[in-house]
Amino acid sequence: MKVLLTILLFILGIFVALAIGGGLLVLMAYGVGWVLNLVIRLEPFQSTILALAGIVAFGILAARIWESIISAPFLRSDDDEDDDDDDFEFDEDDEEEPPAIVVNPRIPRWRQPLKNTDFSNAKPDDRCPCGSGRKYKNCHGRKQV
């Protein structure tokens, strides 16, 4: 008997909370509608419906923003792994490391190559392989001291 009474009181509490929340929503819509009525000069019913539609649209937008924030990849912890990634196995031996970029210390930092470039076939009067547009002898082909 106590279990049945507890369940009924719980269901009644949910209905009361929904009724109070709905009543507050309608009162807020009426208040916003009253302000719209003063500003836009609509009928009270029209301004209240317009305010209620705006409140519902704001609620939907807020829910979508909240879902996108919660599902953001940078907020996930390492424990939240997707099951889709279990099929793919990565073997570290298969990946070759790119060779390190050899940089001339006399070359300004803004002119250093961003990717690995082959300077072995470059002639002094050719365009520099780094893509700067300068001649090789004036760019990366400067003689080191």
N, C-alpha and C. Protein backbone atom coordinates (compact mmCIF):
# COMPACT_ATOMS: atom_id res chain seq x y z
N MET A 1 0.82 -1.19 0.00
CA MET A 1 0.00 0.00 0.00
C MET A 1 0.87 1.26 0.00
N LYS A 2 1.97 1.23 0.79
CA LYS A 2 2.85 2.39 0.85
C LYS A 2 3.54 2.63 -0.49
N VAL A 3 3.86 1.55 -1.20
CA VAL A 3 4.52 1.68 -2.50
C VAL A 3 3.58 2.34 -3.50
N LEU A 4 2.32 1.92 -3.51
CA LEU A 4 1.32 2.50 -4.41
C LEU A 4 1.10 3.97 -4.10
N LEU A 5 1.04 4.31 -2.82
CA LEU A 5 0.86 5.70 -2.41
C LEU A 5 2.07 6.55 -2.81
N THR A 6 3.26 5.99 -2.67
CA THR A 6 4.48 6.71 -3.06
C THR A 6 4.50 6.96 -4.56
N ILE A 7 4.12 5.98 -5.35
CA ILE A 7 4.09 6.13 -6.81
C ILE A 7 3.06 7.18 -7.21
N LEU A 8 1.88 7.15 -6.59
CA LEU A 8 0.84 8.14 -6.90
C LEU A 8 1.29 9.56 -6.52
N LEU A 9 1.93 9.70 -5.36
CA LEU A 9 2.43 11.01 -4.97
C LEU A 9 3.52 11.51 -5.91
N PHE A 10 4.37 10.61 -6.37
CA PHE A 10 5.41 10.97 -7.33
C PHE A 10 4.80 11.46 -8.64
N ILE A 11 3.81 10.73 -9.15
CA ILE A 11 3.13 11.12 -10.39
C ILE A 11 2.40 12.45 -10.20
N LEU A 12 1.76 12.63 -9.04
CA LEU A 12 1.08 13.89 -8.75
C LEU A 12 2.09 15.05 -8.68
N GLY A 13 3.26 14.80 -8.10
CA GLY A 13 4.31 15.82 -8.04
C GLY A 13 4.79 16.22 -9.43
N ILE A 14 4.90 15.25 -10.32
CA ILE A 14 5.31 15.55 -11.70
C ILE A 14 4.25 16.42 -12.38
N PHE A 15 2.97 16.08 -12.20
CA PHE A 15 1.90 16.88 -12.81
C PHE A 15 1.87 18.29 -12.24
N VAL A 16 2.10 18.44 -10.95
CA VAL A 16 2.10 19.77 -10.33
C VAL A 16 3.27 20.59 -10.87
N ALA A 17 4.44 19.96 -10.99
CA ALA A 17 5.61 20.67 -11.52
C ALA A 17 5.37 21.10 -12.97
N LEU A 18 4.76 20.24 -13.77
CA LEU A 18 4.45 20.60 -15.15
C LEU A 18 3.42 21.72 -15.22
N ALA A 19 2.43 21.68 -14.34
CA ALA A 19 1.40 22.72 -14.33
C ALA A 19 2.00 24.06 -13.92
N ILE A 20 2.84 24.06 -12.90
CA ILE A 20 3.47 25.31 -12.47
C ILE A 20 4.39 25.84 -13.56
N GLY A 21 5.18 24.95 -14.17
CA GLY A 21 6.07 25.38 -15.26
C GLY A 21 5.31 25.93 -16.44
N GLY A 22 4.23 25.26 -16.82
CA GLY A 22 3.40 25.75 -17.93
C GLY A 22 2.74 27.08 -17.60
N GLY A 23 2.27 27.22 -16.36
CA GLY A 23 1.66 28.48 -15.95
C GLY A 23 2.66 29.62 -15.99
N LEU A 24 3.87 29.36 -15.50
CA LEU A 24 4.90 30.40 -15.54
C LEU A 24 5.28 30.76 -16.97
N LEU A 25 5.30 29.77 -17.87
CA LEU A 25 5.59 30.02 -19.27
C LEU A 25 4.52 30.91 -19.90
N VAL A 26 3.27 30.63 -19.59
CA VAL A 26 2.17 31.43 -20.14
C VAL A 26 2.23 32.85 -19.56
N LEU A 27 2.50 32.99 -18.26
CA LEU A 27 2.60 34.32 -17.66
C LEU A 27 3.76 35.11 -18.27
N MET A 28 4.88 34.43 -18.52
CA MET A 28 6.01 35.11 -19.14
C MET A 28 5.65 35.53 -20.57
N ALA A 29 4.96 34.66 -21.30
CA ALA A 29 4.53 35.01 -22.65
C ALA A 29 3.56 36.18 -22.62
N TYR A 30 2.68 36.20 -21.62
CA TYR A 30 1.73 37.31 -21.51
C TYR A 30 2.47 38.61 -21.21
N GLY A 31 3.46 38.55 -20.33
CA GLY A 31 4.23 39.75 -20.01
C GLY A 31 5.02 40.26 -21.20
N VAL A 32 5.67 39.36 -21.92
CA VAL A 32 6.41 39.77 -23.12
C VAL A 32 5.44 40.26 -24.18
N GLY A 33 4.28 39.62 -24.27
CA GLY A 33 3.24 40.06 -25.20
C GLY A 33 2.74 41.44 -24.86
N TRP A 34 2.60 41.75 -23.58
CA TRP A 34 2.16 43.08 -23.15
C TRP A 34 3.18 44.14 -23.57
N VAL A 35 4.47 43.81 -23.41
CA VAL A 35 5.52 44.75 -23.84
C VAL A 35 5.49 44.91 -25.36
N LEU A 36 5.31 43.80 -26.10
CA LEU A 36 5.19 43.89 -27.55
C LEU A 36 3.97 44.70 -27.96
N ASN A 37 2.89 44.57 -27.21
CA ASN A 37 1.68 45.33 -27.48
C ASN A 37 1.95 46.82 -27.36
N LEU A 38 2.74 47.22 -26.38
CA LEU A 38 3.07 48.63 -26.22
C LEU A 38 4.01 49.12 -27.31
N VAL A 39 4.93 48.27 -27.76
CA VAL A 39 5.94 48.69 -28.72
C VAL A 39 5.41 48.63 -30.15
N ILE A 40 4.78 47.51 -30.52
CA ILE A 40 4.39 47.29 -31.92
C ILE A 40 2.93 47.66 -32.19
N ARG A 41 2.14 47.81 -31.17
CA ARG A 41 0.71 48.13 -31.30
C ARG A 41 -0.08 47.01 -31.96
N LEU A 42 0.17 45.78 -31.49
CA LEU A 42 -0.63 44.63 -31.94
C LEU A 42 -1.76 44.42 -30.93
N GLU A 43 -2.69 43.57 -31.30
CA GLU A 43 -3.72 43.16 -30.36
C GLU A 43 -3.08 42.35 -29.24
N PRO A 44 -3.64 42.36 -28.02
CA PRO A 44 -3.01 41.61 -26.91
C PRO A 44 -2.86 40.12 -27.20
N PHE A 45 -3.88 39.51 -27.81
CA PHE A 45 -3.79 38.08 -28.10
C PHE A 45 -2.69 37.80 -29.12
N GLN A 46 -2.59 38.61 -30.17
CA GLN A 46 -1.57 38.41 -31.19
C GLN A 46 -0.16 38.58 -30.62
N SER A 47 0.02 39.58 -29.78
CA SER A 47 1.34 39.80 -29.22
C SER A 47 1.72 38.69 -28.23
N THR A 48 0.72 38.15 -27.50
CA THR A 48 1.01 37.04 -26.60
C THR A 48 1.38 35.78 -27.38
N ILE A 49 0.69 35.49 -28.46
CA ILE A 49 1.01 34.33 -29.30
C ILE A 49 2.40 34.52 -29.92
N LEU A 50 2.70 35.73 -30.37
CA LEU A 50 4.01 36.00 -30.94
C LEU A 50 5.11 35.81 -29.89
N ALA A 51 4.87 36.26 -28.67
CA ALA A 51 5.84 36.08 -27.60
C ALA A 51 6.00 34.61 -27.24
N LEU A 52 4.91 33.86 -27.20
CA LEU A 52 4.98 32.43 -26.90
C LEU A 52 5.75 31.68 -27.98
N ALA A 53 5.55 32.05 -29.25
CA ALA A 53 6.30 31.42 -30.34
C ALA A 53 7.79 31.76 -30.21
N GLY A 54 8.11 32.98 -29.83
CA GLY A 54 9.50 33.35 -29.63
C GLY A 54 10.14 32.59 -28.49
N ILE A 55 9.39 32.38 -27.41
CA ILE A 55 9.92 31.62 -26.27
C ILE A 55 10.17 30.17 -26.64
N VAL A 56 9.26 29.58 -27.40
CA VAL A 56 9.44 28.19 -27.84
C VAL A 56 10.64 28.08 -28.79
N ALA A 57 10.77 29.05 -29.72
CA ALA A 57 11.91 29.04 -30.63
C ALA A 57 13.22 29.20 -29.86
N PHE A 58 13.23 30.06 -28.85
CA PHE A 58 14.42 30.22 -28.03
C PHE A 58 14.75 28.93 -27.28
N GLY A 59 13.73 28.24 -26.78
CA GLY A 59 13.96 26.98 -26.09
C GLY A 59 14.56 25.92 -27.00
N ILE A 60 14.05 25.83 -28.23
CA ILE A 60 14.59 24.87 -29.19
C ILE A 60 16.03 25.21 -29.55
N LEU A 61 16.29 26.51 -29.77
CA LEU A 61 17.65 26.95 -30.09
C LEU A 61 18.61 26.68 -28.93
N ALA A 62 18.17 26.95 -27.71
CA ALA A 62 19.02 26.70 -26.55
C ALA A 62 19.31 25.21 -26.39
N ALA A 63 18.32 24.35 -26.66
CA ALA A 63 18.53 22.90 -26.57
C ALA A 63 19.54 22.43 -27.62
N ARG A 64 19.46 22.96 -28.83
CA ARG A 64 20.40 22.57 -29.87
C ARG A 64 21.81 23.05 -29.56
N ILE A 65 21.93 24.26 -29.03
CA ILE A 65 23.25 24.76 -28.65
C ILE A 65 23.83 23.90 -27.53
N TRP A 66 23.00 23.55 -26.57
CA TRP A 66 23.46 22.71 -25.46
C TRP A 66 23.93 21.35 -25.97
N GLU A 67 23.18 20.74 -26.90
CA GLU A 67 23.58 19.45 -27.45
C GLU A 67 24.90 19.55 -28.21
N SER A 68 25.10 20.64 -28.95
CA SER A 68 26.35 20.79 -29.69
C SER A 68 27.52 21.03 -28.74
N ILE A 69 27.29 21.71 -27.64
CA ILE A 69 28.36 21.92 -26.66
C ILE A 69 28.71 20.61 -25.98
N ILE A 70 27.72 19.83 -25.62
CA ILE A 70 27.96 18.57 -24.93
C ILE A 70 28.66 17.57 -25.84
N SER A 71 28.32 17.56 -27.14
CA SER A 71 28.90 16.58 -28.04
C SER A 71 30.17 17.08 -28.72
N ALA A 72 30.72 18.20 -28.28
CA ALA A 72 31.94 18.74 -28.89
C ALA A 72 33.10 17.77 -28.65
N PRO A 73 33.92 17.54 -29.68
CA PRO A 73 35.00 16.56 -29.54
C PRO A 73 36.07 16.99 -28.54
N PHE A 74 36.27 18.29 -28.36
CA PHE A 74 37.33 18.71 -27.43
C PHE A 74 36.89 18.60 -25.98
N LEU A 75 35.60 18.34 -25.72
CA LEU A 75 35.13 18.17 -24.35
C LEU A 75 35.06 16.71 -23.94
N ARG A 76 35.24 15.81 -24.90
CA ARG A 76 35.17 14.39 -24.58
C ARG A 76 36.41 13.96 -23.82
N SER A 77 36.21 13.08 -22.88
CA SER A 77 37.37 12.54 -22.18
C SER A 77 37.89 11.33 -22.93
N ASP A 78 39.02 10.84 -22.52
CA ASP A 78 39.60 9.68 -23.20
C ASP A 78 38.79 8.41 -22.97
N ASP A 79 37.96 8.41 -21.93
CA ASP A 79 37.14 7.24 -21.64
C ASP A 79 35.98 7.11 -22.61
N ASP A 80 35.55 8.23 -23.23
CA ASP A 80 34.41 8.21 -24.15
C ASP A 80 34.88 7.88 -25.55
N GLU A 81 35.17 6.62 -25.80
CA GLU A 81 35.63 6.21 -27.11
C GLU A 81 34.44 5.71 -27.91
N ASP A 82 34.44 6.05 -29.20
CA ASP A 82 33.36 5.60 -30.07
C ASP A 82 33.57 4.14 -30.43
N ASP A 83 32.46 3.43 -30.60
CA ASP A 83 32.54 2.02 -30.99
C ASP A 83 32.91 1.87 -32.46
N ASP A 84 32.74 2.95 -33.26
CA ASP A 84 33.04 2.86 -34.68
C ASP A 84 34.54 2.72 -34.93
N ASP A 85 35.36 3.21 -34.03
CA ASP A 85 36.79 3.17 -34.23
C ASP A 85 37.40 1.81 -33.90
N ASP A 86 36.62 0.90 -33.35
CA ASP A 86 37.15 -0.40 -32.96
C ASP A 86 37.52 -1.26 -34.16
N ASP A 87 36.90 -1.02 -35.33
CA ASP A 87 37.16 -1.82 -36.50
C ASP A 87 38.52 -1.49 -37.13
N PHE A 88 38.99 -0.27 -36.95
CA PHE A 88 40.23 0.19 -37.56
C PHE A 88 41.39 -0.07 -36.62
N GLU A 89 42.40 -0.76 -37.12
CA GLU A 89 43.59 -1.01 -36.32
C GLU A 89 44.75 -0.26 -36.95
N PHE A 90 45.45 0.49 -36.18
CA PHE A 90 46.57 1.29 -36.66
C PHE A 90 47.86 0.63 -36.24
N ASP A 91 48.70 0.36 -37.21
CA ASP A 91 49.99 -0.25 -36.94
C ASP A 91 51.06 0.84 -37.07
N GLU A 92 51.77 1.09 -35.98
CA GLU A 92 52.75 2.16 -35.97
C GLU A 92 53.94 1.88 -36.87
N ASP A 93 54.19 0.63 -37.19
CA ASP A 93 55.33 0.29 -38.03
C ASP A 93 55.10 0.67 -39.48
N ASP A 94 53.83 0.77 -39.90
CA ASP A 94 53.52 1.07 -41.29
C ASP A 94 53.82 2.52 -41.65
N GLU A 95 53.78 3.41 -40.69
CA GLU A 95 53.95 4.83 -40.98
C GLU A 95 55.43 5.19 -40.99
N GLU A 96 55.85 5.85 -42.06
CA GLU A 96 57.22 6.31 -42.15
C GLU A 96 57.27 7.75 -41.67
N GLU A 97 58.28 8.05 -40.89
CA GLU A 97 58.43 9.42 -40.43
C GLU A 97 59.08 10.24 -41.52
N PRO A 98 58.56 11.46 -41.75
CA PRO A 98 59.16 12.30 -42.79
C PRO A 98 60.54 12.74 -42.34
N PRO A 99 61.45 12.90 -43.27
CA PRO A 99 62.79 13.34 -42.90
C PRO A 99 62.74 14.76 -42.35
N ALA A 100 63.63 15.04 -41.44
CA ALA A 100 63.66 16.35 -40.82
C ALA A 100 64.08 17.40 -41.85
N ILE A 101 63.54 18.60 -41.71
CA ILE A 101 63.87 19.68 -42.62
C ILE A 101 65.22 20.26 -42.20
N VAL A 102 66.14 20.28 -43.16
CA VAL A 102 67.45 20.86 -42.89
C VAL A 102 67.34 22.36 -43.17
N VAL A 103 67.58 23.15 -42.16
CA VAL A 103 67.40 24.59 -42.30
C VAL A 103 68.74 25.28 -42.12
N ASN A 104 69.02 26.21 -43.01
CA ASN A 104 70.21 27.03 -42.91
C ASN A 104 69.96 28.08 -41.83
N PRO A 105 70.80 28.18 -40.81
CA PRO A 105 70.53 29.13 -39.74
C PRO A 105 70.61 30.59 -40.19
N ARG A 106 71.23 30.87 -41.34
CA ARG A 106 71.30 32.24 -41.83
C ARG A 106 70.02 32.67 -42.53
N ILE A 107 69.15 31.72 -42.87
CA ILE A 107 67.91 32.04 -43.56
C ILE A 107 66.90 32.57 -42.54
N PRO A 108 66.26 33.68 -42.83
CA PRO A 108 65.26 34.20 -41.88
C PRO A 108 64.14 33.19 -41.66
N ARG A 109 63.55 33.26 -40.51
CA ARG A 109 62.52 32.27 -40.15
C ARG A 109 61.33 32.31 -41.08
N TRP A 110 60.96 33.49 -41.56
CA TRP A 110 59.79 33.60 -42.43
C TRP A 110 60.04 33.02 -43.81
N ARG A 111 61.33 32.80 -44.16
CA ARG A 111 61.66 32.24 -45.46
C ARG A 111 62.02 30.77 -45.41
N GLN A 112 61.94 30.16 -44.25
CA GLN A 112 62.27 28.75 -44.14
C GLN A 112 61.16 27.91 -44.76
N PRO A 113 61.50 26.79 -45.38
CA PRO A 113 60.48 25.97 -46.04
C PRO A 113 59.52 25.34 -45.03
N LEU A 114 58.26 25.26 -45.42
CA LEU A 114 57.25 24.66 -44.56
C LEU A 114 57.13 23.16 -44.78
N LYS A 115 57.61 22.67 -45.88
CA LYS A 115 57.53 21.25 -46.18
C LYS A 115 58.91 20.77 -46.60
N ASN A 116 59.06 19.46 -46.65
CA ASN A 116 60.34 18.89 -47.08
C ASN A 116 60.53 19.17 -48.57
N THR A 117 61.62 19.79 -48.91
CA THR A 117 61.89 20.16 -50.29
C THR A 117 63.25 19.60 -50.68
N ASP A 118 63.33 19.16 -51.92
CA ASP A 118 64.57 18.58 -52.42
C ASP A 118 65.37 19.68 -53.11
N PHE A 119 66.48 20.08 -52.49
CA PHE A 119 67.34 21.13 -53.04
C PHE A 119 68.51 20.55 -53.82
N SER A 120 68.59 19.22 -53.94
CA SER A 120 69.78 18.61 -54.54
C SER A 120 69.89 18.90 -56.03
N ASN A 121 68.79 19.03 -56.76
CA ASN A 121 68.84 19.25 -58.20
C ASN A 121 68.79 20.72 -58.57
N ALA A 122 68.76 21.61 -57.61
CA ALA A 122 68.61 23.04 -57.90
C ALA A 122 69.93 23.63 -58.36
N LYS A 123 69.86 24.39 -59.43
CA LYS A 123 71.02 25.11 -59.94
C LYS A 123 70.94 26.54 -59.43
N PRO A 124 72.04 27.24 -59.33
CA PRO A 124 72.04 28.58 -58.73
C PRO A 124 71.09 29.58 -59.38
N ASP A 125 70.90 29.49 -60.71
CA ASP A 125 70.04 30.47 -61.37
C ASP A 125 68.61 30.00 -61.55
N ASP A 126 68.28 28.80 -61.08
CA ASP A 126 66.89 28.30 -61.13
C ASP A 126 66.06 28.92 -60.02
N ARG A 127 64.76 28.82 -60.16
CA ARG A 127 63.87 29.27 -59.09
C ARG A 127 64.02 28.32 -57.91
N CYS A 128 63.94 28.86 -56.70
CA CYS A 128 64.14 28.05 -55.50
C CYS A 128 62.98 27.06 -55.34
N PRO A 129 63.27 25.80 -55.01
CA PRO A 129 62.21 24.79 -54.83
C PRO A 129 61.28 25.08 -53.65
N CYS A 130 61.64 25.99 -52.77
CA CYS A 130 60.78 26.28 -51.62
C CYS A 130 59.52 27.02 -52.02
N GLY A 131 59.51 27.61 -53.20
CA GLY A 131 58.31 28.30 -53.67
C GLY A 131 58.31 29.79 -53.40
N SER A 132 59.44 30.36 -53.02
CA SER A 132 59.49 31.79 -52.72
C SER A 132 59.47 32.65 -53.97
N GLY A 133 59.88 32.07 -55.12
CA GLY A 133 59.94 32.83 -56.35
C GLY A 133 61.30 33.45 -56.61
N ARG A 134 62.20 33.37 -55.68
CA ARG A 134 63.55 33.91 -55.85
C ARG A 134 64.44 32.87 -56.51
N LYS A 135 65.59 33.34 -56.96
CA LYS A 135 66.59 32.41 -57.48
C LYS A 135 67.16 31.62 -56.31
N TYR A 136 67.56 30.38 -56.60
CA TYR A 136 68.08 29.51 -55.56
C TYR A 136 69.31 30.11 -54.89
N LYS A 137 70.16 30.78 -55.66
CA LYS A 137 71.38 31.34 -55.08
C LYS A 137 71.09 32.51 -54.14
N ASN A 138 69.93 33.15 -54.29
CA ASN A 138 69.56 34.26 -53.41
C ASN A 138 68.62 33.84 -52.29
N CYS A 139 68.21 32.59 -52.29
CA CYS A 139 67.25 32.12 -51.27
C CYS A 139 67.91 31.07 -50.40
N HIS A 140 67.69 29.81 -50.69
CA HIS A 140 68.23 28.73 -49.89
C HIS A 140 69.61 28.29 -50.35
N GLY A 141 70.09 28.82 -51.45
CA GLY A 141 71.40 28.42 -51.95
C GLY A 141 72.52 29.31 -51.50
N ARG A 142 72.26 30.19 -50.54
CA ARG A 142 73.34 31.04 -50.04
C ARG A 142 74.42 30.18 -49.39
N LYS A 143 75.62 30.57 -49.60
CA LYS A 143 76.73 29.81 -49.02
C LYS A 143 76.79 30.04 -47.53
N GLN A 144 76.95 28.93 -46.81
CA GLN A 144 77.06 29.03 -45.35
C GLN A 144 78.47 29.38 -44.96
N VAL A 145 78.56 30.19 -43.92
CA VAL A 145 79.88 30.60 -43.46
C VAL A 145 80.37 29.63 -42.41
